[in-house]
Amino acid sequence: MIIFETTNFLLKKIRFDAKRYLQSFGRKQLAYVLFLAVLLLYYLFGHVLEYSDKRLPETTVVMEQYGQRLEMNLSSKQTDTIVVLKEREHLLTAIEERIVAYLYQMPDYSYMTSLEVYLKYRPELLQQFPSAVPLEKGDYVLSSQYGIRTHPISLKTKKHFGIDLAAPLGKTVYATASGIVSEVIYSSNGYGNHIIIKHRFGFESLYGHLNKILVRKGQKIQQHELIATVGNSGNSTGYHLHYETVKNESKIDPIPSLNLKRNVYAELIEQNNNNHGE
């Protein structure tokens, strides 16, 4: 009983002293402490990012080596199936231990070449980040690419941070990867009516100048799900879809992603046909 009362007394005294200390702490001192805390967090976060950037080339080489060994294993003609399968299991485990961090680190699609073999073995991963065309085949024409161009309205030379796919009014627009709708915006300026979808591994996709929007903010979306129709809203000179891909908050060229999934599955179909033909 005495121990309980003593402990209770000490806790009350600590709370009282802490409260009195905070009350005596002026606004300037509190603001200074908060400033130091934010500065420390900024330094630590920047240091982590810098470390990750330095490790990226090294990780890329490792992933390429694992990919080459996996390709050799998959095409192996050895009669000892147990050894081949055991080695394959080891290689897949090694890649999977690294692949999530690697996908988050990579700044653009140029690094996907190191994962080509693995993606053929695990093609379902392609559902998690932009890897397809947002319009149906034959419904569109690439009218403006990513990069420096003359703006069609202002006629000034500036960077175009996405691609324009010219298509008739009302053509259906599909999500290029699974994810969650982070923004649904109706506007008569800029992108006009547009959708932003957040995907895994630091990817986002934007669909602009839409006519009808068929999803809501916070909705979970599957790859190839119908999300909108082509329009001419916002700053636009004709019916088209403005499409952007964002990686780690930087807008990157979407072109390498458009046929990524189709090319992987085309190779898988060809391999399957060759195996049946042998």
Protein backbone atom coordinates (compact mmCIF):
# COMPACT_ATOMS: atom_id res chain seq x y z
CA MET A 1 0.00 0.00 0.00
CA ILE A 2 2.81 2.39 0.95
CA ILE A 3 4.67 1.56 -2.30
CA PHE A 4 1.51 2.22 -4.34
CA GLU A 5 0.92 5.61 -2.65
CA THR A 6 4.57 6.61 -3.11
CA THR A 7 4.50 5.68 -6.81
CA ASN A 8 1.24 7.59 -7.32
CA PHE A 9 2.73 10.66 -5.57
CA LEU A 10 5.84 10.57 -7.76
CA LEU A 11 3.80 10.28 -11.01
CA LYS A 12 1.64 13.26 -10.00
CA LYS A 13 4.75 15.30 -9.19
CA ILE A 14 6.37 14.45 -12.54
CA ARG A 15 3.21 15.45 -14.43
CA PHE A 16 2.97 18.69 -12.43
CA ASP A 17 6.65 19.57 -12.99
CA ALA A 18 6.39 18.81 -16.73
CA LYS A 19 3.26 20.96 -17.05
CA ARG A 20 4.90 23.86 -15.14
CA TYR A 21 8.02 23.55 -17.30
CA LEU A 22 6.01 23.70 -20.54
CA GLN A 23 4.04 26.71 -19.25
CA SER A 24 7.27 28.56 -18.48
CA PHE A 25 8.52 27.74 -22.00
CA GLY A 26 8.06 30.87 -24.12
CA ARG A 27 6.70 30.89 -27.67
CA LYS A 28 10.09 31.84 -29.09
CA GLN A 29 11.83 28.94 -27.35
CA LEU A 30 9.10 26.51 -28.47
CA ALA A 31 9.31 27.76 -32.05
CA TYR A 32 13.10 27.36 -31.95
CA VAL A 33 12.84 23.78 -30.67
CA LEU A 34 10.30 22.93 -33.39
CA PHE A 35 12.58 24.50 -36.00
CA LEU A 36 15.49 22.36 -34.84
CA ALA A 37 13.31 19.23 -34.91
CA VAL A 38 12.17 19.95 -38.50
CA LEU A 39 15.76 20.66 -39.53
CA LEU A 40 16.92 17.36 -38.03
CA LEU A 41 14.16 15.42 -39.81
CA TYR A 42 15.01 17.14 -43.11
CA TYR A 43 18.69 16.23 -42.69
CA LEU A 44 17.95 12.61 -41.83
CA PHE A 45 15.44 12.21 -44.69
CA GLY A 46 17.83 13.82 -47.18
CA HIS A 47 20.67 11.61 -45.98
CA VAL A 48 18.56 8.48 -46.47
CA LEU A 49 17.58 9.58 -50.01
CA GLU A 50 21.19 10.39 -50.88
CA TYR A 51 22.30 7.00 -49.59
CA SER A 52 19.58 5.28 -51.65
CA ASP A 53 20.62 7.18 -54.79
CA LYS A 54 24.24 6.14 -54.31
CA ARG A 55 23.25 2.50 -53.85
CA LEU A 56 20.99 2.42 -56.93
CA PRO A 57 23.71 1.68 -59.56
CA GLU A 58 25.13 -1.05 -57.33
CA THR A 59 21.68 -2.59 -56.80
CA THR A 60 20.98 -2.40 -60.54
CA VAL A 61 24.10 -4.44 -61.33
CA VAL A 62 23.11 -7.04 -58.72
CA MET A 63 19.57 -7.30 -60.13
CA GLU A 64 20.93 -7.69 -63.66
CA GLN A 65 23.23 -10.51 -62.53
CA TYR A 66 20.37 -12.32 -60.80
CA GLY A 67 18.27 -11.83 -63.93
CA GLN A 68 20.94 -13.36 -66.17
CA ARG A 69 21.33 -16.35 -63.86
CA LEU A 70 17.55 -16.81 -63.71
CA GLU A 71 17.32 -16.73 -67.52
CA MET A 72 20.03 -19.40 -67.76
CA ASN A 73 18.17 -21.48 -65.19
CA LEU A 74 14.82 -21.18 -66.96
CA SER A 75 16.36 -22.30 -70.26
CA SER A 76 18.44 -25.06 -68.66
CA LYS A 77 18.53 -28.47 -70.37
CA GLN A 78 19.97 -30.28 -67.34
CA THR A 79 18.44 -33.62 -66.53
CA ASP A 80 18.79 -33.11 -62.77
CA THR A 81 15.47 -31.30 -62.27
CA ILE A 82 15.83 -31.11 -58.47
CA VAL A 83 19.05 -29.07 -58.73
CA VAL A 84 17.55 -26.74 -61.35
CA LEU A 85 14.41 -26.11 -59.29
CA LYS A 86 16.43 -25.58 -56.11
CA GLU A 87 18.64 -23.01 -57.83
CA ARG A 88 15.56 -21.29 -59.33
CA GLU A 89 13.97 -21.07 -55.89
CA HIS A 90 17.17 -19.53 -54.50
CA LEU A 91 17.38 -16.93 -57.33
CA LEU A 92 13.70 -15.96 -57.04
CA THR A 93 14.04 -15.53 -53.27
CA ALA A 94 17.12 -13.33 -53.74
CA ILE A 95 15.34 -11.13 -56.28
CA GLU A 96 12.15 -10.86 -54.22
CA GLU A 97 14.11 -9.81 -51.13
CA ARG A 98 15.39 -6.80 -53.10
CA ILE A 99 12.72 -5.98 -55.66
CA VAL A 100 10.34 -3.87 -53.56
CA ALA A 101 13.09 -1.51 -52.40
CA TYR A 102 14.52 -1.45 -55.94
CA LEU A 103 11.16 -0.54 -57.52
CA TYR A 104 10.77 2.31 -55.02
CA GLN A 105 14.32 3.56 -55.69
CA MET A 106 14.31 3.54 -59.49
CA PRO A 107 13.61 7.02 -60.95
CA ASP A 108 12.19 5.92 -64.33
CA TYR A 109 11.49 2.98 -66.64
CA SER A 110 15.04 2.69 -67.97
CA TYR A 111 15.83 0.51 -64.94
CA MET A 112 13.10 -2.01 -65.82
CA THR A 113 15.44 -3.81 -68.23
CA SER A 114 17.18 -5.42 -65.25
CA LEU A 115 13.84 -7.00 -64.29
CA GLU A 116 12.77 -8.31 -67.71
CA VAL A 117 13.41 -11.98 -66.92
CA TYR A 118 11.80 -11.80 -63.48
CA LEU A 119 8.70 -10.04 -64.87
CA LYS A 120 8.22 -12.90 -67.33
CA TYR A 121 8.19 -15.28 -64.36
CA ARG A 122 6.00 -13.01 -62.19
CA PRO A 123 3.95 -11.00 -64.78
CA GLU A 124 1.21 -10.25 -62.22
CA LEU A 125 3.57 -7.63 -60.72
CA LEU A 126 2.90 -5.52 -63.83
CA GLN A 127 -0.59 -4.82 -62.49
CA GLN A 128 0.87 -2.76 -59.65
CA PHE A 129 2.48 0.08 -61.66
CA PRO A 130 1.69 1.78 -65.02
CA SER A 131 2.47 -0.74 -67.73
CA ALA A 132 -0.33 -0.42 -70.31
CA VAL A 133 -2.04 2.00 -72.69
CA PRO A 134 -4.98 3.93 -71.19
CA LEU A 135 -7.01 3.65 -74.43
CA GLU A 136 -8.06 0.70 -76.55
CA LYS A 137 -5.94 -0.26 -79.53
CA GLY A 138 -6.95 1.66 -82.67
CA ASP A 139 -8.85 4.32 -80.71
CA TYR A 140 -6.05 6.89 -80.61
CA VAL A 141 -3.12 8.60 -82.31
CA LEU A 142 -0.07 9.88 -80.43
CA SER A 143 -0.36 13.61 -81.17
CA SER A 144 2.23 15.05 -78.77
CA GLN A 145 5.14 13.42 -76.96
CA TYR A 146 6.85 14.08 -73.63
CA GLY A 147 9.48 16.81 -73.72
CA ILE A 148 10.10 20.27 -75.14
CA ARG A 149 7.48 21.51 -77.60
CA THR A 150 5.63 24.61 -78.78
CA HIS A 151 2.50 24.92 -76.67
CA PRO A 152 -0.57 24.75 -78.94
CA ILE A 153 -2.36 27.61 -77.12
CA SER A 154 0.35 29.99 -75.83
CA LEU A 155 2.71 29.15 -78.77
CA LYS A 156 5.59 29.36 -76.28
CA THR A 157 8.36 26.77 -76.11
CA LYS A 158 7.97 24.79 -72.89
CA LYS A 159 8.23 21.27 -71.55
CA HIS A 160 5.30 18.91 -72.01
CA PHE A 161 5.21 16.66 -68.94
CA GLY A 162 3.05 13.95 -70.48
CA ILE A 163 1.79 12.64 -73.79
CA ASP A 164 -1.34 13.50 -75.76
CA LEU A 165 -3.39 10.71 -77.30
CA ALA A 166 -5.86 12.14 -79.84
CA ALA A 167 -9.16 10.21 -79.79
CA PRO A 168 -12.83 10.80 -80.59
CA LEU A 169 -15.17 12.25 -77.96
CA GLY A 170 -16.47 9.63 -75.55
CA LYS A 171 -13.82 6.96 -76.15
CA THR A 172 -13.29 4.94 -72.99
CA VAL A 173 -10.27 5.56 -70.74
CA TYR A 174 -8.80 2.78 -68.59
CA ALA A 175 -6.50 2.72 -65.55
CA THR A 176 -2.97 1.72 -66.54
CA ALA A 177 -2.36 0.04 -63.16
CA SER A 178 -4.16 -0.93 -59.98
CA GLY A 179 -4.31 1.69 -57.27
CA ILE A 180 -6.43 4.20 -55.38
CA VAL A 181 -7.98 7.34 -56.88
CA SER A 182 -6.25 10.18 -55.02
CA GLU A 183 -7.82 13.12 -56.89
CA VAL A 184 -10.96 13.75 -58.95
CA ILE A 185 -11.03 17.34 -60.21
CA TYR A 186 -13.58 19.15 -62.36
CA SER A 187 -12.15 22.30 -63.94
CA SER A 188 -12.43 24.53 -67.00
CA ASN A 189 -8.69 25.38 -66.82
CA GLY A 190 -5.40 23.50 -67.10
CA TYR A 191 -5.92 19.74 -67.20
CA GLY A 192 -9.69 20.28 -67.20
CA ASN A 193 -11.63 17.38 -65.72
CA HIS A 194 -8.94 14.99 -64.58
CA ILE A 195 -8.12 11.99 -62.39
CA ILE A 196 -4.97 11.09 -60.46
CA ILE A 197 -4.42 7.48 -59.36
CA LYS A 198 -1.81 6.50 -56.77
CA HIS A 199 -0.09 3.16 -57.42
CA ARG A 200 2.55 1.11 -55.60
CA PHE A 201 6.31 1.78 -55.60
CA GLY A 202 6.00 5.60 -55.80
CA PHE A 203 4.07 5.64 -59.10
CA GLU A 204 1.10 7.86 -59.97
CA SER A 205 -0.84 8.36 -63.20
CA LEU A 206 -2.84 11.38 -64.41
CA TYR A 207 -5.64 11.40 -66.99
CA GLY A 208 -6.59 14.88 -68.24
CA HIS A 209 -9.11 16.79 -70.44
CA LEU A 210 -11.80 14.19 -69.70
CA ASN A 211 -15.45 14.38 -70.64
CA LYS A 212 -17.07 12.01 -68.13
CA ILE A 213 -15.43 10.84 -64.91
CA LEU A 214 -16.69 7.44 -63.75
CA VAL A 215 -14.82 7.01 -60.45
CA ARG A 216 -14.72 8.78 -57.08
CA LYS A 217 -11.90 9.92 -54.83
CA GLY A 218 -10.66 7.13 -52.55
CA GLN A 219 -11.99 4.38 -54.82
CA LYS A 220 -9.84 1.28 -55.27
CA ILE A 221 -9.14 0.66 -58.96
CA GLN A 222 -7.94 -2.42 -60.84
CA GLN A 223 -5.67 -2.28 -63.86
CA HIS A 224 -7.66 -1.90 -67.13
CA GLU A 225 -10.77 -0.77 -65.21
CA LEU A 226 -12.95 1.82 -66.99
CA ILE A 227 -12.46 5.21 -65.27
CA ALA A 228 -13.53 7.95 -67.72
CA THR A 229 -14.21 9.03 -71.31
CA VAL A 230 -12.16 11.23 -73.63
CA GLY A 231 -13.11 14.90 -73.78
CA ASN A 232 -11.88 18.41 -74.48
CA SER A 233 -12.16 20.09 -71.05
CA GLY A 234 -9.67 22.64 -69.72
CA ASN A 235 -6.95 24.20 -71.85
CA SER A 236 -7.33 22.00 -74.91
CA THR A 237 -7.53 22.47 -78.67
CA GLY A 238 -9.29 19.21 -79.51
CA TYR A 239 -10.53 15.87 -78.22
CA HIS A 240 -7.67 13.95 -76.65
CA LEU A 241 -6.38 12.30 -73.49
CA HIS A 242 -3.45 13.96 -71.73
CA TYR A 243 -1.64 11.19 -69.86
CA GLU A 244 1.17 11.56 -67.32
CA THR A 245 3.25 9.15 -65.27
CA VAL A 246 4.79 10.32 -62.00
CA LYS A 247 7.58 8.50 -60.16
CA ASN A 248 8.62 9.61 -56.67
CA GLU A 249 6.91 12.98 -57.31
CA SER A 250 8.81 13.57 -60.58
CA LYS A 251 7.00 13.51 -63.93
CA ILE A 252 8.66 11.02 -66.28
CA ASP A 253 8.21 9.94 -69.89
CA PRO A 254 5.25 7.49 -70.04
CA ILE A 255 6.18 6.06 -73.48
CA PRO A 256 8.36 3.17 -72.15
CA SER A 257 5.47 2.03 -69.95
CA LEU A 258 2.76 1.84 -72.63
CA ASN A 259 3.65 -1.56 -74.09
CA LEU A 260 5.56 -2.98 -71.13
CA LYS A 261 2.90 -5.48 -70.12
CA ARG A 262 1.97 -6.38 -73.71
CA ASN A 263 5.62 -7.09 -74.61
CA VAL A 264 6.15 -9.32 -71.55
CA TYR A 265 3.03 -11.38 -72.31
CA ALA A 266 3.93 -11.55 -76.03
CA GLU A 267 7.27 -13.14 -75.09
CA LEU A 268 5.53 -15.56 -72.73
CA ILE A 269 3.10 -16.63 -75.48
CA GLU A 270 5.98 -17.10 -77.93
CA GLN A 271 7.93 -19.18 -75.40
CA ASN A 272 4.86 -21.29 -74.71
CA ASN A 273 4.31 -21.91 -78.44
CA ASN A 274 7.98 -22.85 -78.90
CA ASN A 275 7.83 -25.29 -75.98
CA HIS A 276 4.74 -26.97 -77.40
CA GLY A 277 6.38 -27.17 -80.81
CA GLU A 278 9.42 -29.06 -79.52
